[in-house]
Amino acid sequence: MTPNAATRARRSIRAGYLTRAQLTAVIGACAPERDRLLLRLMYSYGLRSTEAATMPLSDLDWQRGLVEIVRGKGSRSHTRTILRSLQADLKAWLAKHPGGDWLFPSPRSTAKPMTKWNVHRIFKAAAKRAGLPPQLQHAHVLKHSIVTHMLEEGVDIRSVQDWVGHVSIDTTVIYAEVTGRMNEAATKVADGLVGALEG
């Protein structure tokens, strides 16, 4: 990552993730099952708008309980477990699914998937209803948020990198720096090591 790219990423991350309360408010502001599922799916797996919008139904393997996560922009694709916390929303949406090959078909034609602009409109409308400030009214904050929340919960940085498909650990490290998790982890280890010397 170039110095300029790292600086831009730091600014974006500092300004762009939701607290747990904000996230709950945005999800709660979604009325249709589709919109609620869309945003929860994006947050859960750290999906970009296009990645969520163009997910084929065939990427869901209910028999094995797996979902194929196909990422863009050079990120790593992978297979993940369908989270138990998503299953009820998935089933509710699929019971009303209008047809076609896409998990989220276009509102105009089931033969096509949604576009990222559909996703942006859905998120922005929910964010406004939830009272989020303008700088947080864009769907990419969901990816920022899952990374930040995982680090806050103490998930190790390599696992977070793998979960959201970051190719470079440098990208994930920026989140850790911004949230202070790297310093916190080092402080805890150093304190334990020094404490052990007192015996």
N, C-alpha and C. Protein backbone atom coordinates (compact mmCIF):
# COMPACT_ATOMS: atom_id res chain seq x y z
N MET A 1 0.85 -1.19 0.00
CA MET A 1 0.00 0.00 0.00
C MET A 1 0.88 1.24 0.00
N THR A 2 0.64 2.16 -0.92
CA THR A 2 1.45 3.38 -1.02
C THR A 2 1.11 4.31 0.16
N PRO A 3 2.04 5.23 0.51
CA PRO A 3 1.76 6.17 1.61
C PRO A 3 0.47 6.96 1.39
N ASN A 4 0.22 7.40 0.15
CA ASN A 4 -1.00 8.16 -0.13
C ASN A 4 -2.25 7.31 0.07
N ALA A 5 -2.20 6.06 -0.39
CA ALA A 5 -3.34 5.15 -0.23
C ALA A 5 -3.59 4.88 1.24
N ALA A 6 -2.52 4.72 2.02
CA ALA A 6 -2.66 4.46 3.45
C ALA A 6 -3.28 5.66 4.16
N THR A 7 -2.88 6.87 3.77
CA THR A 7 -3.45 8.08 4.37
C THR A 7 -4.93 8.20 4.06
N ARG A 8 -5.31 7.93 2.81
CA ARG A 8 -6.73 7.97 2.43
C ARG A 8 -7.53 6.93 3.20
N ALA A 9 -6.95 5.74 3.34
CA ALA A 9 -7.64 4.67 4.06
C ALA A 9 -7.85 5.05 5.53
N ARG A 10 -6.84 5.63 6.15
CA ARG A 10 -6.97 6.04 7.56
C ARG A 10 -8.09 7.07 7.73
N ARG A 11 -8.13 8.05 6.83
CA ARG A 11 -9.18 9.08 6.90
C ARG A 11 -10.56 8.45 6.75
N SER A 12 -10.68 7.52 5.78
CA SER A 12 -11.96 6.87 5.51
C SER A 12 -12.42 6.06 6.73
N ILE A 13 -11.49 5.32 7.33
CA ILE A 13 -11.84 4.46 8.47
C ILE A 13 -12.20 5.30 9.69
N ARG A 14 -11.44 6.36 9.95
CA ARG A 14 -11.73 7.21 11.11
C ARG A 14 -13.12 7.82 11.01
N ALA A 15 -13.51 8.19 9.79
CA ALA A 15 -14.79 8.87 9.61
C ALA A 15 -15.93 7.92 9.34
N GLY A 16 -15.62 6.64 9.09
CA GLY A 16 -16.64 5.82 8.47
C GLY A 16 -17.00 4.49 9.06
N TYR A 17 -17.22 4.35 10.36
CA TYR A 17 -17.80 3.11 10.84
C TYR A 17 -18.89 3.42 11.86
N LEU A 18 -19.79 2.46 12.02
CA LEU A 18 -20.95 2.67 12.88
C LEU A 18 -20.71 2.07 14.25
N THR A 19 -21.25 2.74 15.27
CA THR A 19 -21.28 2.13 16.59
C THR A 19 -22.31 1.00 16.55
N ARG A 20 -22.31 0.15 17.58
CA ARG A 20 -23.31 -0.93 17.61
C ARG A 20 -24.72 -0.35 17.62
N ALA A 21 -24.90 0.75 18.37
CA ALA A 21 -26.23 1.37 18.46
C ALA A 21 -26.67 1.91 17.10
N GLN A 22 -25.76 2.56 16.38
CA GLN A 22 -26.08 3.09 15.05
C GLN A 22 -26.43 1.97 14.09
N LEU A 23 -25.66 0.89 14.14
CA LEU A 23 -25.91 -0.25 13.27
C LEU A 23 -27.30 -0.84 13.54
N THR A 24 -27.62 -1.02 14.81
CA THR A 24 -28.94 -1.54 15.18
C THR A 24 -30.05 -0.63 14.68
N ALA A 25 -29.82 0.69 14.78
CA ALA A 25 -30.82 1.66 14.33
C ALA A 25 -31.04 1.59 12.82
N VAL A 26 -29.96 1.44 12.06
CA VAL A 26 -30.08 1.36 10.60
C VAL A 26 -30.82 0.09 10.19
N ILE A 27 -30.44 -1.04 10.77
CA ILE A 27 -31.12 -2.31 10.44
C ILE A 27 -32.59 -2.22 10.83
N GLY A 28 -32.86 -1.62 11.97
CA GLY A 28 -34.25 -1.47 12.43
C GLY A 28 -35.07 -0.55 11.55
N ALA A 29 -34.39 0.32 10.81
CA ALA A 29 -35.09 1.27 9.94
C ALA A 29 -35.43 0.67 8.58
N CYS A 30 -35.02 -0.59 8.35
CA CYS A 30 -35.34 -1.29 7.10
C CYS A 30 -36.67 -2.00 7.24
N ALA A 31 -37.60 -1.73 6.34
CA ALA A 31 -38.92 -2.36 6.44
C ALA A 31 -38.98 -3.73 5.76
N PRO A 32 -38.76 -3.84 4.45
CA PRO A 32 -38.93 -5.16 3.80
C PRO A 32 -37.86 -6.15 4.26
N GLU A 33 -38.22 -7.43 4.25
CA GLU A 33 -37.25 -8.48 4.59
C GLU A 33 -36.01 -8.38 3.71
N ARG A 34 -36.22 -8.04 2.44
CA ARG A 34 -35.09 -7.96 1.51
C ARG A 34 -34.04 -6.95 2.00
N ASP A 35 -34.49 -5.77 2.37
CA ASP A 35 -33.55 -4.71 2.74
C ASP A 35 -32.83 -5.03 4.04
N ARG A 36 -33.56 -5.58 4.99
CA ARG A 36 -32.95 -5.98 6.26
C ARG A 36 -31.89 -7.05 6.02
N LEU A 37 -32.22 -8.04 5.20
CA LEU A 37 -31.28 -9.10 4.89
C LEU A 37 -30.06 -8.55 4.16
N LEU A 38 -30.29 -7.71 3.18
CA LEU A 38 -29.20 -7.13 2.39
C LEU A 38 -28.17 -6.46 3.28
N LEU A 39 -28.62 -5.61 4.19
CA LEU A 39 -27.68 -4.86 5.04
C LEU A 39 -27.01 -5.78 6.06
N ARG A 40 -27.75 -6.74 6.61
CA ARG A 40 -27.15 -7.66 7.57
C ARG A 40 -26.11 -8.56 6.89
N LEU A 41 -26.40 -8.96 5.67
CA LEU A 41 -25.45 -9.78 4.90
C LEU A 41 -24.17 -9.00 4.62
N MET A 42 -24.33 -7.74 4.20
CA MET A 42 -23.17 -6.90 3.91
C MET A 42 -22.30 -6.71 5.15
N TYR A 43 -22.94 -6.43 6.27
CA TYR A 43 -22.20 -6.25 7.52
C TYR A 43 -21.53 -7.56 7.94
N SER A 44 -22.28 -8.65 7.93
CA SER A 44 -21.77 -9.93 8.44
C SER A 44 -20.49 -10.39 7.75
N TYR A 45 -20.46 -10.25 6.43
CA TYR A 45 -19.32 -10.76 5.67
C TYR A 45 -18.41 -9.64 5.13
N GLY A 46 -18.72 -8.40 5.49
CA GLY A 46 -17.90 -7.29 5.01
C GLY A 46 -17.96 -7.12 3.51
N LEU A 47 -19.18 -7.16 2.96
CA LEU A 47 -19.36 -7.08 1.51
C LEU A 47 -19.46 -5.65 1.01
N ARG A 48 -18.89 -5.42 -0.16
CA ARG A 48 -19.14 -4.16 -0.87
C ARG A 48 -20.53 -4.22 -1.49
N SER A 49 -21.02 -3.06 -1.91
CA SER A 49 -22.37 -2.98 -2.48
C SER A 49 -22.55 -3.90 -3.69
N THR A 50 -21.59 -3.87 -4.61
CA THR A 50 -21.71 -4.68 -5.81
C THR A 50 -21.64 -6.17 -5.49
N GLU A 51 -20.80 -6.54 -4.53
CA GLU A 51 -20.65 -7.95 -4.16
C GLU A 51 -21.96 -8.52 -3.62
N ALA A 52 -22.66 -7.72 -2.82
CA ALA A 52 -23.95 -8.17 -2.27
C ALA A 52 -25.04 -8.15 -3.34
N ALA A 53 -25.06 -7.09 -4.13
CA ALA A 53 -26.12 -6.92 -5.14
C ALA A 53 -26.11 -8.03 -6.18
N THR A 54 -24.93 -8.52 -6.53
CA THR A 54 -24.82 -9.48 -7.64
C THR A 54 -24.59 -10.92 -7.16
N MET A 55 -25.00 -11.22 -5.94
CA MET A 55 -24.83 -12.58 -5.43
C MET A 55 -25.86 -13.52 -6.06
N PRO A 56 -25.41 -14.56 -6.77
CA PRO A 56 -26.37 -15.51 -7.35
C PRO A 56 -26.99 -16.39 -6.26
N LEU A 57 -28.22 -16.81 -6.47
CA LEU A 57 -28.85 -17.75 -5.55
C LEU A 57 -28.03 -19.04 -5.43
N SER A 58 -27.37 -19.40 -6.52
CA SER A 58 -26.59 -20.64 -6.54
C SER A 58 -25.38 -20.59 -5.61
N ASP A 59 -25.02 -19.40 -5.12
CA ASP A 59 -23.91 -19.29 -4.17
C ASP A 59 -24.30 -19.75 -2.77
N LEU A 60 -25.59 -19.97 -2.55
CA LEU A 60 -26.07 -20.48 -1.26
C LEU A 60 -26.22 -21.99 -1.35
N ASP A 61 -25.47 -22.71 -0.54
CA ASP A 61 -25.55 -24.17 -0.51
C ASP A 61 -26.16 -24.56 0.84
N TRP A 62 -27.49 -24.69 0.85
CA TRP A 62 -28.20 -24.98 2.09
C TRP A 62 -27.88 -26.37 2.61
N GLN A 63 -27.60 -27.30 1.70
CA GLN A 63 -27.32 -28.68 2.12
C GLN A 63 -26.07 -28.74 2.99
N ARG A 64 -25.07 -27.98 2.60
CA ARG A 64 -23.82 -27.96 3.38
C ARG A 64 -23.74 -26.78 4.33
N GLY A 65 -24.73 -25.86 4.23
CA GLY A 65 -24.74 -24.69 5.10
C GLY A 65 -23.64 -23.70 4.78
N LEU A 66 -23.35 -23.54 3.47
CA LEU A 66 -22.24 -22.68 3.05
C LEU A 66 -22.71 -21.61 2.07
N VAL A 67 -21.98 -20.51 2.06
CA VAL A 67 -22.22 -19.46 1.08
C VAL A 67 -20.89 -19.09 0.42
N GLU A 68 -20.91 -18.95 -0.88
CA GLU A 68 -19.72 -18.55 -1.63
C GLU A 68 -19.65 -17.02 -1.64
N ILE A 69 -18.57 -16.48 -1.14
CA ILE A 69 -18.38 -15.03 -1.12
C ILE A 69 -17.42 -14.66 -2.25
N VAL A 70 -17.95 -14.06 -3.28
CA VAL A 70 -17.13 -13.66 -4.43
C VAL A 70 -16.87 -12.17 -4.33
N ARG A 71 -15.62 -11.83 -4.12
CA ARG A 71 -15.26 -10.42 -3.90
C ARG A 71 -14.66 -9.79 -5.15
N GLY A 72 -14.78 -8.48 -5.22
CA GLY A 72 -14.22 -7.71 -6.32
C GLY A 72 -13.00 -6.92 -5.87
N LYS A 73 -12.53 -6.04 -6.73
CA LYS A 73 -11.42 -5.13 -6.46
C LYS A 73 -10.18 -5.85 -5.93
N GLY A 74 -9.94 -7.06 -6.42
CA GLY A 74 -8.71 -7.77 -6.04
C GLY A 74 -8.74 -8.40 -4.67
N SER A 75 -9.86 -8.33 -3.96
CA SER A 75 -9.95 -8.97 -2.65
C SER A 75 -10.08 -10.48 -2.81
N ARG A 76 -9.83 -11.20 -1.71
CA ARG A 76 -9.87 -12.66 -1.75
C ARG A 76 -11.30 -13.18 -1.62
N SER A 77 -11.70 -14.04 -2.54
CA SER A 77 -12.99 -14.72 -2.45
C SER A 77 -12.82 -15.98 -1.61
N HIS A 78 -13.92 -16.46 -1.02
CA HIS A 78 -13.83 -17.65 -0.18
C HIS A 78 -15.22 -18.20 0.12
N THR A 79 -15.25 -19.37 0.74
CA THR A 79 -16.51 -19.99 1.15
C THR A 79 -16.65 -19.82 2.65
N ARG A 80 -17.85 -19.45 3.08
CA ARG A 80 -18.11 -19.23 4.50
C ARG A 80 -19.34 -20.02 4.93
N THR A 81 -19.45 -20.28 6.20
CA THR A 81 -20.65 -20.86 6.77
C THR A 81 -21.79 -19.83 6.69
N ILE A 82 -23.00 -20.29 6.38
CA ILE A 82 -24.16 -19.39 6.47
C ILE A 82 -24.42 -19.17 7.95
N LEU A 83 -24.24 -17.97 8.41
CA LEU A 83 -24.36 -17.68 9.83
C LEU A 83 -25.77 -18.00 10.34
N ARG A 84 -25.84 -18.62 11.49
CA ARG A 84 -27.15 -18.95 12.07
C ARG A 84 -28.00 -17.70 12.26
N SER A 85 -27.33 -16.59 12.59
CA SER A 85 -28.05 -15.34 12.82
C SER A 85 -28.67 -14.76 11.56
N LEU A 86 -28.25 -15.26 10.38
CA LEU A 86 -28.81 -14.78 9.11
C LEU A 86 -29.88 -15.71 8.55
N GLN A 87 -29.96 -16.92 9.06
CA GLN A 87 -30.80 -17.93 8.43
C GLN A 87 -32.29 -17.56 8.42
N ALA A 88 -32.79 -17.00 9.51
CA ALA A 88 -34.21 -16.64 9.56
C ALA A 88 -34.54 -15.57 8.52
N ASP A 89 -33.68 -14.56 8.41
CA ASP A 89 -33.90 -13.50 7.42
C ASP A 89 -33.80 -14.04 6.00
N LEU A 90 -32.84 -14.93 5.77
CA LEU A 90 -32.68 -15.53 4.44
C LEU A 90 -33.94 -16.32 4.06
N LYS A 91 -34.42 -17.12 4.99
CA LYS A 91 -35.60 -17.95 4.69
C LYS A 91 -36.85 -17.10 4.50
N ALA A 92 -36.99 -16.04 5.29
CA ALA A 92 -38.15 -15.15 5.14
C ALA A 92 -38.14 -14.48 3.77
N TRP A 93 -36.96 -14.04 3.33
CA TRP A 93 -36.85 -13.39 2.02
C TRP A 93 -37.08 -14.39 0.89
N LEU A 94 -36.49 -15.57 1.00
CA LEU A 94 -36.63 -16.57 -0.06
C LEU A 94 -38.07 -17.05 -0.20
N ALA A 95 -38.83 -17.00 0.89
CA ALA A 95 -40.25 -17.39 0.81
C ALA A 95 -41.05 -16.40 -0.03
N LYS A 96 -40.55 -15.15 -0.13
CA LYS A 96 -41.23 -14.12 -0.92
C LYS A 96 -40.45 -13.76 -2.18
N HIS A 97 -39.39 -14.50 -2.44
CA HIS A 97 -38.48 -14.17 -3.55
C HIS A 97 -39.24 -14.10 -4.87
N PRO A 98 -39.02 -13.02 -5.63
CA PRO A 98 -39.78 -12.85 -6.89
C PRO A 98 -39.33 -13.73 -8.04
N GLY A 99 -38.28 -14.50 -7.85
CA GLY A 99 -37.81 -15.38 -8.92
C GLY A 99 -36.50 -14.90 -9.53
N GLY A 100 -36.01 -15.66 -10.49
CA GLY A 100 -34.75 -15.30 -11.14
C GLY A 100 -33.58 -16.00 -10.46
N ASP A 101 -32.39 -15.71 -10.97
CA ASP A 101 -31.18 -16.40 -10.52
C ASP A 101 -30.41 -15.66 -9.44
N TRP A 102 -30.89 -14.47 -9.07
CA TRP A 102 -30.12 -13.62 -8.16
C TRP A 102 -30.78 -13.58 -6.78
N LEU A 103 -29.94 -13.51 -5.74
CA LEU A 103 -30.49 -13.39 -4.39
C LEU A 103 -31.27 -12.08 -4.26
N PHE A 104 -30.74 -11.03 -4.87
CA PHE A 104 -31.42 -9.72 -4.84
C PHE A 104 -31.67 -9.27 -6.28
N PRO A 105 -32.79 -9.71 -6.89
CA PRO A 105 -33.08 -9.33 -8.27
C PRO A 105 -33.33 -7.83 -8.39
N SER A 106 -33.12 -7.34 -9.58
CA SER A 106 -33.43 -5.94 -9.87
C SER A 106 -34.92 -5.68 -9.67
N PRO A 107 -35.28 -4.52 -9.13
CA PRO A 107 -36.71 -4.18 -8.99
C PRO A 107 -37.43 -4.13 -10.35
N ARG A 108 -36.66 -3.97 -11.43
CA ARG A 108 -37.27 -3.85 -12.76
C ARG A 108 -37.37 -5.17 -13.50
N SER A 109 -36.45 -6.09 -13.22
CA SER A 109 -36.45 -7.36 -13.95
C SER A 109 -35.75 -8.43 -13.12
N THR A 110 -36.45 -9.55 -12.91
CA THR A 110 -35.84 -10.63 -12.14
C THR A 110 -34.71 -11.32 -12.90
N ALA A 111 -34.58 -11.01 -14.18
CA ALA A 111 -33.50 -11.59 -14.99
C ALA A 111 -32.16 -10.94 -14.69
N LYS A 112 -32.19 -9.80 -13.99
CA LYS A 112 -30.96 -9.07 -13.69
C LYS A 112 -30.83 -8.88 -12.17
N PRO A 113 -29.58 -8.74 -11.69
CA PRO A 113 -29.41 -8.46 -10.27
C PRO A 113 -29.63 -6.97 -9.98
N MET A 114 -29.75 -6.64 -8.71
CA MET A 114 -29.71 -5.25 -8.30
C MET A 114 -28.40 -4.62 -8.77
N THR A 115 -28.34 -3.31 -8.74
CA THR A 115 -27.09 -2.61 -8.99
C THR A 115 -26.59 -2.05 -7.66
N LYS A 116 -25.34 -1.62 -7.66
CA LYS A 116 -24.81 -1.01 -6.44
C LYS A 116 -25.58 0.26 -6.09
N TRP A 117 -26.17 0.90 -7.12
CA TRP A 117 -26.93 2.13 -6.85
C TRP A 117 -28.23 1.81 -6.11
N ASN A 118 -28.84 0.65 -6.42
CA ASN A 118 -29.99 0.20 -5.64
C ASN A 118 -29.61 0.05 -4.17
N VAL A 119 -28.46 -0.57 -3.95
CA VAL A 119 -27.99 -0.80 -2.58
C VAL A 119 -27.74 0.52 -1.87
N HIS A 120 -27.08 1.45 -2.57
CA HIS A 120 -26.79 2.76 -1.96
C HIS A 120 -28.08 3.47 -1.56
N ARG A 121 -29.09 3.40 -2.43
CA ARG A 121 -30.36 4.07 -2.11
C ARG A 121 -31.04 3.44 -0.90
N ILE A 122 -31.02 2.10 -0.84
CA ILE A 122 -31.62 1.40 0.29
C ILE A 122 -30.92 1.80 1.59
N PHE A 123 -29.57 1.79 1.55
CA PHE A 123 -28.83 2.12 2.77
C PHE A 123 -29.05 3.57 3.17
N LYS A 124 -28.96 4.46 2.20
CA LYS A 124 -29.09 5.88 2.52
C LYS A 124 -30.46 6.20 3.11
N ALA A 125 -31.50 5.60 2.56
CA ALA A 125 -32.85 5.83 3.09
C ALA A 125 -32.96 5.35 4.53
N ALA A 126 -32.41 4.15 4.80
CA ALA A 126 -32.44 3.61 6.17
C ALA A 126 -31.59 4.46 7.11
N ALA A 127 -30.43 4.91 6.63
CA ALA A 127 -29.54 5.72 7.45
C ALA A 127 -30.19 7.06 7.82
N LYS A 128 -30.90 7.64 6.86
CA LYS A 128 -31.60 8.90 7.15
C LYS A 128 -32.69 8.69 8.19
N ARG A 129 -33.47 7.60 8.01
CA ARG A 129 -34.54 7.31 8.98
C ARG A 129 -33.96 7.05 10.37
N ALA A 130 -32.76 6.47 10.41
CA ALA A 130 -32.11 6.17 11.69
C ALA A 130 -31.42 7.39 12.29
N GLY A 131 -31.37 8.49 11.54
CA GLY A 131 -30.77 9.72 12.05
C GLY A 131 -29.25 9.74 12.02
N LEU A 132 -28.65 8.96 11.14
CA LEU A 132 -27.19 8.97 11.02
C LEU A 132 -26.72 10.27 10.37
N PRO A 133 -25.54 10.76 10.76
CA PRO A 133 -25.00 11.96 10.12
C PRO A 133 -24.67 11.68 8.65
N PRO A 134 -24.64 12.72 7.82
CA PRO A 134 -24.42 12.54 6.37
C PRO A 134 -23.17 11.74 6.02
N GLN A 135 -22.09 11.91 6.77
CA GLN A 135 -20.84 11.21 6.43
C GLN A 135 -20.93 9.70 6.66
N LEU A 136 -21.97 9.24 7.34
CA LEU A 136 -22.16 7.81 7.57
C LEU A 136 -23.29 7.22 6.73
N GLN A 137 -23.81 8.01 5.81
CA GLN A 137 -24.95 7.55 5.01
C GLN A 137 -24.51 6.90 3.69
N HIS A 138 -23.46 6.08 3.76
CA HIS A 138 -23.02 5.33 2.57
C HIS A 138 -22.78 3.89 2.98
N ALA A 139 -23.11 2.96 2.09
CA ALA A 139 -23.16 1.54 2.44
C ALA A 139 -21.80 0.95 2.81
N HIS A 140 -20.70 1.56 2.37
CA HIS A 140 -19.39 0.96 2.66
C HIS A 140 -19.05 1.02 4.14
N VAL A 141 -19.78 1.84 4.91
CA VAL A 141 -19.52 1.88 6.35
C VAL A 141 -19.80 0.52 6.99
N LEU A 142 -20.60 -0.32 6.33
CA LEU A 142 -20.89 -1.64 6.89
C LEU A 142 -19.63 -2.51 6.92
N LYS A 143 -18.81 -2.43 5.87
CA LYS A 143 -17.55 -3.18 5.86
C LYS A 143 -16.60 -2.62 6.91
N HIS A 144 -16.49 -1.30 6.96
CA HIS A 144 -15.66 -0.68 8.00
C HIS A 144 -16.11 -1.15 9.39
N SER A 145 -17.41 -1.25 9.56
CA SER A 145 -17.96 -1.55 10.88
C SER A 145 -17.66 -2.97 11.34
N ILE A 146 -17.81 -3.97 10.44
CA ILE A 146 -17.56 -5.34 10.88
C ILE A 146 -16.09 -5.53 11.24
N VAL A 147 -15.19 -4.91 10.48
CA VAL A 147 -13.76 -5.02 10.80
C VAL A 147 -13.50 -4.40 12.17
N THR A 148 -14.02 -3.20 12.38
CA THR A 148 -13.81 -2.49 13.64
C THR A 148 -14.39 -3.28 14.81
N HIS A 149 -15.61 -3.78 14.66
CA HIS A 149 -16.26 -4.49 15.76
C HIS A 149 -15.55 -5.81 16.08
N MET A 150 -15.06 -6.51 15.04
CA MET A 150 -14.31 -7.75 15.30
C MET A 150 -13.02 -7.45 16.08
N LEU A 151 -12.32 -6.39 15.68
CA LEU A 151 -11.10 -6.02 16.39
C LEU A 151 -11.42 -5.62 17.83
N GLU A 152 -12.51 -4.88 18.02
CA GLU A 152 -12.91 -4.49 19.38
C GLU A 152 -13.24 -5.70 20.25
N GLU A 153 -13.72 -6.77 19.60
CA GLU A 153 -14.05 -8.00 20.34
C GLU A 153 -12.81 -8.87 20.58
N GLY A 154 -11.67 -8.44 20.06
CA GLY A 154 -10.43 -9.17 20.32
C GLY A 154 -10.10 -10.24 19.31
N VAL A 155 -10.78 -10.27 18.16
CA VAL A 155 -10.44 -11.24 17.11
C VAL A 155 -9.05 -10.87 16.58
N ASP A 156 -8.18 -11.86 16.41
CA ASP A 156 -6.82 -11.54 15.97
C ASP A 156 -6.84 -11.00 14.55
N ILE A 157 -5.85 -10.18 14.28
CA ILE A 157 -5.84 -9.38 13.06
C ILE A 157 -5.79 -10.24 11.79
N ARG A 158 -5.09 -11.37 11.83
CA ARG A 158 -5.02 -12.25 10.66
C ARG A 158 -6.39 -12.86 10.35
N SER A 159 -7.11 -13.21 11.39
CA SER A 159 -8.46 -13.78 11.20
C SER A 159 -9.40 -12.74 10.61
N VAL A 160 -9.29 -11.50 11.07
CA VAL A 160 -10.12 -10.42 10.52
C VAL A 160 -9.77 -10.18 9.06
N GLN A 161 -8.47 -10.16 8.76
CA GLN A 161 -8.01 -10.00 7.38
C GLN A 161 -8.64 -11.06 6.48
N ASP A 162 -8.61 -12.31 6.93
CA ASP A 162 -9.16 -13.41 6.15
C ASP A 162 -10.68 -13.28 6.01
N TRP A 163 -11.36 -12.90 7.09
CA TRP A 163 -12.83 -12.85 7.09
C TRP A 163 -13.36 -11.88 6.03
N VAL A 164 -12.71 -10.72 5.91
CA VAL A 164 -13.22 -9.70 4.99
C VAL A 164 -12.50 -9.69 3.65
N GLY A 165 -11.56 -10.62 3.46
CA GLY A 165 -10.92 -10.76 2.15
C GLY A 165 -9.84 -9.76 1.82
N HIS A 166 -9.28 -9.08 2.84
CA HIS A 166 -8.17 -8.17 2.55
C HIS A 166 -6.98 -8.96 2.04
N VAL A 167 -6.45 -8.57 0.90
CA VAL A 167 -5.28 -9.24 0.35
C VAL A 167 -4.04 -8.90 1.17
N SER A 168 -3.93 -7.63 1.54
CA SER A 168 -2.77 -7.17 2.30
C SER A 168 -3.13 -6.98 3.77
N ILE A 169 -2.28 -7.47 4.66
CA ILE A 169 -2.47 -7.27 6.09
C ILE A 169 -2.39 -5.79 6.43
N ASP A 170 -1.69 -5.01 5.58
CA ASP A 170 -1.54 -3.57 5.84
C ASP A 170 -2.89 -2.87 5.94
N THR A 171 -3.84 -3.30 5.11
CA THR A 171 -5.18 -2.69 5.15
C THR A 171 -5.83 -2.94 6.50
N THR A 172 -5.76 -4.17 6.99
CA THR A 172 -6.39 -4.52 8.26
C THR A 172 -5.67 -3.83 9.42
N VAL A 173 -4.35 -3.70 9.30
CA VAL A 173 -3.55 -3.05 10.34
C VAL A 173 -4.02 -1.61 10.57
N ILE A 174 -4.42 -0.94 9.47
CA ILE A 174 -4.90 0.44 9.62
C ILE A 174 -6.10 0.50 10.54
N TYR A 175 -7.03 -0.45 10.39
CA TYR A 175 -8.18 -0.49 11.30
C TYR A 175 -7.73 -0.68 12.73
N ALA A 176 -6.77 -1.58 12.93
CA ALA A 176 -6.28 -1.85 14.28
C ALA A 176 -5.63 -0.62 14.88
N GLU A 177 -4.87 0.11 14.05
CA GLU A 177 -4.24 1.35 14.54
C GLU A 177 -5.28 2.38 14.92
N VAL A 178 -6.28 2.54 14.06
CA VAL A 178 -7.31 3.56 14.28
C VAL A 178 -8.12 3.24 15.53
N THR A 179 -8.43 1.97 15.76
CA THR A 179 -9.22 1.60 16.93
C THR A 179 -8.37 1.43 18.19
N GLY A 180 -7.04 1.46 18.03
CA GLY A 180 -6.15 1.32 19.18
C GLY A 180 -5.96 -0.12 19.63
N ARG A 181 -6.45 -1.10 18.85
CA ARG A 181 -6.38 -2.49 19.29
C ARG A 181 -4.95 -3.03 19.30
N MET A 182 -4.09 -2.52 18.39
CA MET A 182 -2.72 -3.04 18.38
C MET A 182 -1.98 -2.62 19.64
N ASN A 183 -2.12 -1.33 20.01
CA ASN A 183 -1.46 -0.84 21.22
C ASN A 183 -2.02 -1.53 22.46
N GLU A 184 -3.34 -1.73 22.45
CA GLU A 184 -3.98 -2.37 23.59
C GLU A 184 -3.48 -3.80 23.77
N ALA A 185 -3.38 -4.53 22.65
CA ALA A 185 -2.90 -5.91 22.72
C ALA A 185 -1.45 -5.95 23.19
N ALA A 186 -0.61 -5.07 22.65
CA ALA A 186 0.80 -5.03 23.04
C ALA A 186 0.94 -4.67 24.51
N THR A 187 0.13 -3.73 24.98
CA THR A 187 0.17 -3.31 26.38
C THR A 187 -0.16 -4.49 27.30
N LYS A 188 -1.19 -5.23 26.93
CA LYS A 188 -1.62 -6.38 27.74
C LYS A 188 -0.52 -7.44 27.81
N VAL A 189 0.10 -7.75 26.67
CA VAL A 189 1.16 -8.76 26.62
C VAL A 189 2.36 -8.30 27.43
N ALA A 190 2.77 -7.03 27.20
CA ALA A 190 3.94 -6.50 27.90
C ALA A 190 3.71 -6.49 29.41
N ASP A 191 2.50 -6.10 29.82
CA ASP A 191 2.17 -6.07 31.25
C ASP A 191 2.26 -7.46 31.86
N GLY A 192 1.75 -8.47 31.11
CA GLY A 192 1.82 -9.84 31.59
C GLY A 192 3.25 -10.34 31.70
N LEU A 193 4.08 -10.01 30.71
CA LEU A 193 5.47 -10.46 30.71
C LEU A 193 6.25 -9.83 31.88
N VAL A 194 6.03 -8.54 32.06
CA VAL A 194 6.74 -7.85 33.15
C VAL A 194 6.22 -8.34 34.50
N GLY A 195 4.92 -8.55 34.57
CA GLY A 195 4.35 -9.04 35.83
C GLY A 195 4.92 -10.39 36.23
N ALA A 196 5.20 -11.22 35.22
CA ALA A 196 5.75 -12.55 35.48
C ALA A 196 7.16 -12.47 36.10
N LEU A 197 7.85 -11.38 35.82
CA LEU A 197 9.21 -11.21 36.36
C LEU A 197 9.21 -10.96 37.86
N GLU A 198 8.07 -10.44 38.35
CA GLU A 198 8.00 -10.09 39.78
C GLU A 198 8.02 -11.33 40.67
N GLY A 199 7.61 -12.47 40.10
CA GLY A 199 7.62 -13.71 40.89
C GLY A 199 9.03 -14.18 41.09
